[in-house]
Amino acid sequence: MFHSREEQFHNLAADDAYRSWLISRNQSPIVYHSGDVHWKRLRVLARRAGNRLRGAFAAIRVALVADKMRRARRLLALHGLRHAGIDKSHEDQRRPS
């Protein structure tokens, strides 16, 4: 917490110099001497690819089932038969009053 405006802007030149030093320093890269990290990354990539593939096949299956049901209902309607879920008024007509 700053008590005065002077403390708030206490030494911006020093802060800028430190920031410049942080940016300019040459950090050595992190080197893993073990292949475990590479295998872990490969397993993660394989798992993600498998999940995406399963999701794509699930979407294709849903689309195929919907298309097959639509064709079956159309065929039943063409031959004069109604599916129970399509025509509720047809169901009401068959019930005795």
N, C-alpha and C. Protein backbone atom coordinates (compact mmCIF):
# COMPACT_ATOMS: atom_id res chain seq x y z
N MET A 1 0.86 -1.17 0.00
CA MET A 1 0.00 0.00 0.00
C MET A 1 0.90 1.23 0.00
N PHE A 2 0.55 2.17 -0.83
CA PHE A 2 1.36 3.39 -0.95
C PHE A 2 0.78 4.48 -0.05
N HIS A 3 1.67 5.15 0.66
CA HIS A 3 1.22 6.23 1.55
C HIS A 3 1.28 7.59 0.88
N SER A 4 2.09 7.72 -0.12
CA SER A 4 2.18 8.99 -0.84
C SER A 4 2.40 8.72 -2.32
N ARG A 5 2.20 9.76 -3.10
CA ARG A 5 2.35 9.63 -4.54
C ARG A 5 3.81 9.38 -4.91
N GLU A 6 4.73 9.90 -4.12
CA GLU A 6 6.14 9.69 -4.39
C GLU A 6 6.53 8.22 -4.22
N GLU A 7 5.93 7.56 -3.23
CA GLU A 7 6.22 6.16 -3.01
C GLU A 7 5.65 5.29 -4.15
N GLN A 8 4.54 5.74 -4.70
CA GLN A 8 3.92 4.98 -5.77
C GLN A 8 4.83 4.93 -6.99
N PHE A 9 5.48 6.04 -7.29
CA PHE A 9 6.40 6.12 -8.42
C PHE A 9 7.83 6.17 -7.90
N HIS A 10 8.17 5.29 -6.96
CA HIS A 10 9.43 5.38 -6.22
C HIS A 10 10.66 5.31 -7.11
N ASN A 11 10.80 4.28 -7.92
CA ASN A 11 12.01 4.19 -8.72
C ASN A 11 11.67 3.41 -9.99
N LEU A 12 11.02 4.09 -10.88
CA LEU A 12 10.60 3.42 -12.12
C LEU A 12 11.79 3.04 -12.98
N ALA A 13 12.87 3.81 -12.91
CA ALA A 13 14.06 3.51 -13.71
C ALA A 13 14.65 2.18 -13.30
N ALA A 14 14.70 1.90 -12.01
CA ALA A 14 15.24 0.63 -11.53
C ALA A 14 14.33 -0.53 -11.95
N ASP A 15 13.01 -0.31 -11.87
CA ASP A 15 12.07 -1.35 -12.29
C ASP A 15 12.22 -1.64 -13.77
N ASP A 16 12.36 -0.60 -14.57
CA ASP A 16 12.54 -0.80 -16.01
C ASP A 16 13.84 -1.52 -16.32
N ALA A 17 14.88 -1.18 -15.56
CA ALA A 17 16.17 -1.83 -15.78
C ALA A 17 16.08 -3.32 -15.44
N TYR A 18 15.39 -3.63 -14.35
CA TYR A 18 15.24 -5.03 -13.95
C TYR A 18 14.40 -5.79 -14.99
N ARG A 19 13.35 -5.15 -15.46
CA ARG A 19 12.49 -5.77 -16.48
C ARG A 19 13.29 -6.02 -17.76
N SER A 20 14.11 -5.05 -18.14
CA SER A 20 14.95 -5.20 -19.33
C SER A 20 15.95 -6.34 -19.15
N TRP A 21 16.51 -6.45 -17.95
CA TRP A 21 17.46 -7.52 -17.69
C TRP A 21 16.78 -8.89 -17.77
N LEU A 22 15.55 -8.98 -17.22
CA LEU A 22 14.81 -10.25 -17.28
C LEU A 22 14.53 -10.67 -18.73
N ILE A 23 14.16 -9.70 -19.55
CA ILE A 23 13.84 -10.00 -20.94
C ILE A 23 15.09 -10.37 -21.72
N SER A 24 16.18 -9.67 -21.45
CA SER A 24 17.38 -9.85 -22.28
C SER A 24 18.23 -11.06 -21.88
N ARG A 25 18.07 -11.58 -20.67
CA ARG A 25 18.94 -12.69 -20.27
C ARG A 25 18.64 -13.93 -21.10
N ASN A 26 19.64 -14.68 -21.35
CA ASN A 26 19.54 -15.85 -22.21
C ASN A 26 19.41 -17.08 -21.34
N GLN A 27 18.20 -17.58 -21.22
CA GLN A 27 17.98 -18.75 -20.39
C GLN A 27 18.29 -20.01 -21.17
N SER A 28 18.91 -20.95 -20.50
CA SER A 28 19.19 -22.21 -21.16
C SER A 28 17.89 -23.03 -21.22
N PRO A 29 17.69 -23.76 -22.29
CA PRO A 29 16.47 -24.56 -22.40
C PRO A 29 16.46 -25.70 -21.40
N ILE A 30 15.28 -26.11 -21.02
CA ILE A 30 15.13 -27.23 -20.10
C ILE A 30 15.33 -28.50 -20.90
N VAL A 31 16.25 -29.33 -20.45
CA VAL A 31 16.58 -30.55 -21.17
C VAL A 31 16.17 -31.73 -20.31
N TYR A 32 15.33 -32.58 -20.86
CA TYR A 32 14.93 -33.79 -20.16
C TYR A 32 15.82 -34.92 -20.68
N HIS A 33 16.50 -35.57 -19.77
CA HIS A 33 17.38 -36.67 -20.16
C HIS A 33 16.64 -37.99 -20.20
N SER A 34 15.38 -37.96 -19.84
CA SER A 34 14.60 -39.19 -19.82
C SER A 34 13.55 -39.12 -20.92
N GLY A 35 13.25 -40.24 -21.51
CA GLY A 35 12.23 -40.29 -22.55
C GLY A 35 10.83 -40.38 -21.99
N ASP A 36 10.68 -40.40 -20.65
CA ASP A 36 9.36 -40.53 -20.04
C ASP A 36 8.44 -39.37 -20.41
N VAL A 37 8.99 -38.17 -20.47
CA VAL A 37 8.17 -37.00 -20.79
C VAL A 37 7.66 -37.10 -22.23
N HIS A 38 8.52 -37.56 -23.13
CA HIS A 38 8.11 -37.69 -24.53
C HIS A 38 7.03 -38.76 -24.68
N TRP A 39 7.17 -39.87 -23.96
CA TRP A 39 6.15 -40.92 -24.02
C TRP A 39 4.84 -40.44 -23.42
N LYS A 40 4.92 -39.64 -22.35
CA LYS A 40 3.71 -39.12 -21.73
C LYS A 40 2.97 -38.20 -22.70
N ARG A 41 3.72 -37.34 -23.38
CA ARG A 41 3.09 -36.45 -24.37
C ARG A 41 2.49 -37.25 -25.51
N LEU A 42 3.18 -38.30 -25.94
CA LEU A 42 2.67 -39.14 -27.02
C LEU A 42 1.39 -39.85 -26.59
N ARG A 43 1.36 -40.32 -25.33
CA ARG A 43 0.14 -40.98 -24.83
C ARG A 43 -1.02 -40.00 -24.78
N VAL A 44 -0.75 -38.78 -24.36
CA VAL A 44 -1.81 -37.76 -24.30
C VAL A 44 -2.34 -37.47 -25.71
N LEU A 45 -1.44 -37.33 -26.67
CA LEU A 45 -1.87 -37.08 -28.05
C LEU A 45 -2.69 -38.25 -28.60
N ALA A 46 -2.25 -39.47 -28.30
CA ALA A 46 -2.98 -40.66 -28.76
C ALA A 46 -4.35 -40.73 -28.12
N ARG A 47 -4.44 -40.43 -26.83
CA ARG A 47 -5.73 -40.47 -26.14
C ARG A 47 -6.68 -39.42 -26.70
N ARG A 48 -6.17 -38.21 -26.97
CA ARG A 48 -7.02 -37.16 -27.54
C ARG A 48 -7.49 -37.54 -28.94
N ALA A 49 -6.61 -38.14 -29.74
CA ALA A 49 -7.01 -38.55 -31.08
C ALA A 49 -8.06 -39.65 -31.01
N GLY A 50 -7.89 -40.59 -30.08
CA GLY A 50 -8.87 -41.65 -29.91
C GLY A 50 -10.23 -41.12 -29.48
N ASN A 51 -10.22 -40.16 -28.56
CA ASN A 51 -11.49 -39.56 -28.11
C ASN A 51 -12.19 -38.83 -29.25
N ARG A 52 -11.42 -38.11 -30.03
CA ARG A 52 -12.02 -37.39 -31.17
C ARG A 52 -12.57 -38.37 -32.21
N LEU A 53 -11.86 -39.47 -32.42
CA LEU A 53 -12.31 -40.48 -33.38
C LEU A 53 -13.59 -41.14 -32.88
N ARG A 54 -13.63 -41.47 -31.57
CA ARG A 54 -14.85 -42.04 -31.00
C ARG A 54 -16.02 -41.08 -31.13
N GLY A 55 -15.78 -39.80 -30.89
CA GLY A 55 -16.83 -38.79 -31.02
C GLY A 55 -17.33 -38.68 -32.45
N ALA A 56 -16.42 -38.75 -33.42
CA ALA A 56 -16.82 -38.68 -34.83
C ALA A 56 -17.66 -39.88 -35.21
N PHE A 57 -17.24 -41.08 -34.77
CA PHE A 57 -18.02 -42.27 -35.08
C PHE A 57 -19.39 -42.25 -34.40
N ALA A 58 -19.46 -41.70 -33.20
CA ALA A 58 -20.75 -41.59 -32.51
C ALA A 58 -21.68 -40.65 -33.26
N ALA A 59 -21.15 -39.54 -33.76
CA ALA A 59 -21.98 -38.60 -34.53
C ALA A 59 -22.46 -39.24 -35.83
N ILE A 60 -21.59 -40.00 -36.47
CA ILE A 60 -21.98 -40.69 -37.71
C ILE A 60 -23.07 -41.71 -37.42
N ARG A 61 -22.92 -42.44 -36.30
CA ARG A 61 -23.91 -43.45 -35.95
C ARG A 61 -25.27 -42.81 -35.67
N VAL A 62 -25.28 -41.71 -34.95
CA VAL A 62 -26.54 -41.01 -34.66
C VAL A 62 -27.19 -40.54 -35.96
N ALA A 63 -26.40 -40.02 -36.89
CA ALA A 63 -26.94 -39.56 -38.17
C ALA A 63 -27.49 -40.74 -38.97
N LEU A 64 -26.81 -41.86 -38.96
CA LEU A 64 -27.30 -43.03 -39.70
C LEU A 64 -28.60 -43.56 -39.11
N VAL A 65 -28.69 -43.62 -37.79
CA VAL A 65 -29.91 -44.10 -37.14
C VAL A 65 -31.07 -43.16 -37.44
N ALA A 66 -30.83 -41.85 -37.37
CA ALA A 66 -31.88 -40.88 -37.66
C ALA A 66 -32.34 -41.01 -39.11
N ASP A 67 -31.41 -41.20 -40.04
CA ASP A 67 -31.77 -41.36 -41.45
C ASP A 67 -32.57 -42.64 -41.67
N LYS A 68 -32.16 -43.72 -41.02
CA LYS A 68 -32.87 -44.98 -41.17
C LYS A 68 -34.28 -44.89 -40.60
N MET A 69 -34.44 -44.24 -39.45
CA MET A 69 -35.77 -44.06 -38.87
C MET A 69 -36.64 -43.18 -39.76
N ARG A 70 -36.07 -42.14 -40.33
CA ARG A 70 -36.83 -41.25 -41.22
C ARG A 70 -37.30 -42.02 -42.46
N ARG A 71 -36.40 -42.84 -43.02
CA ARG A 71 -36.80 -43.64 -44.20
C ARG A 71 -37.85 -44.67 -43.85
N ALA A 72 -37.73 -45.29 -42.68
CA ALA A 72 -38.72 -46.29 -42.26
C ALA A 72 -40.08 -45.65 -42.04
N ARG A 73 -40.12 -44.48 -41.40
CA ARG A 73 -41.40 -43.79 -41.18
C ARG A 73 -42.01 -43.35 -42.50
N ARG A 74 -41.18 -42.88 -43.43
CA ARG A 74 -41.68 -42.48 -44.74
C ARG A 74 -42.26 -43.68 -45.48
N LEU A 75 -41.59 -44.82 -45.39
CA LEU A 75 -42.07 -46.03 -46.04
C LEU A 75 -43.38 -46.49 -45.44
N LEU A 76 -43.48 -46.44 -44.10
CA LEU A 76 -44.74 -46.82 -43.44
C LEU A 76 -45.86 -45.86 -43.83
N ALA A 77 -45.56 -44.58 -43.90
CA ALA A 77 -46.59 -43.60 -44.29
C ALA A 77 -47.01 -43.81 -45.73
N LEU A 78 -46.08 -44.20 -46.58
CA LEU A 78 -46.39 -44.43 -47.99
C LEU A 78 -47.36 -45.60 -48.16
N HIS A 79 -47.24 -46.61 -47.31
CA HIS A 79 -48.10 -47.78 -47.39
C HIS A 79 -49.35 -47.65 -46.54
N GLY A 80 -49.59 -46.49 -45.98
CA GLY A 80 -50.82 -46.25 -45.23
C GLY A 80 -50.73 -46.60 -43.75
N LEU A 81 -49.62 -47.00 -43.27
CA LEU A 81 -49.45 -47.32 -41.86
C LEU A 81 -48.84 -46.11 -41.15
N ARG A 82 -49.30 -45.86 -39.96
CA ARG A 82 -48.79 -44.72 -39.21
C ARG A 82 -48.03 -45.21 -37.98
N HIS A 83 -46.96 -44.55 -37.68
CA HIS A 83 -46.19 -44.86 -36.48
C HIS A 83 -46.89 -44.20 -35.30
N ALA A 84 -46.87 -44.84 -34.15
CA ALA A 84 -47.58 -44.33 -32.98
C ALA A 84 -47.08 -42.95 -32.57
N GLY A 85 -45.83 -42.67 -32.75
CA GLY A 85 -45.29 -41.39 -32.33
C GLY A 85 -45.53 -40.28 -33.33
N ILE A 86 -45.95 -40.60 -34.56
CA ILE A 86 -46.11 -39.59 -35.60
C ILE A 86 -47.51 -39.00 -35.59
N ASP A 87 -48.51 -39.84 -35.58
CA ASP A 87 -49.89 -39.37 -35.76
C ASP A 87 -50.71 -39.69 -34.51
N LYS A 88 -50.82 -38.76 -33.59
CA LYS A 88 -51.58 -38.98 -32.37
C LYS A 88 -53.09 -38.97 -32.64
N SER A 89 -53.56 -38.22 -33.64
CA SER A 89 -54.99 -38.17 -33.93
C SER A 89 -55.47 -39.52 -34.45
N HIS A 90 -54.62 -40.26 -35.15
CA HIS A 90 -54.97 -41.58 -35.65
C HIS A 90 -55.18 -42.55 -34.49
N GLU A 91 -54.37 -42.39 -33.41
CA GLU A 91 -54.52 -43.22 -32.23
C GLU A 91 -55.84 -42.94 -31.54
N ASP A 92 -56.21 -41.66 -31.46
CA ASP A 92 -57.46 -41.28 -30.78
C ASP A 92 -58.67 -41.82 -31.53
N GLN A 93 -58.59 -41.96 -32.83
CA GLN A 93 -59.72 -42.43 -33.63
C GLN A 93 -59.97 -43.92 -33.38
N ARG A 94 -58.96 -44.68 -33.04
CA ARG A 94 -59.13 -46.13 -32.86
C ARG A 94 -59.67 -46.47 -31.48
N ARG A 95 -59.58 -45.58 -30.52
CA ARG A 95 -60.06 -45.87 -29.16
C ARG A 95 -61.59 -45.82 -29.14
N PRO A 96 -62.19 -46.82 -28.49
CA PRO A 96 -63.67 -46.78 -28.36
C PRO A 96 -64.06 -45.70 -27.35
N SER A 97 -65.17 -45.01 -27.65
CA SER A 97 -65.61 -43.92 -26.77
C SER A 97 -66.59 -44.41 -25.75
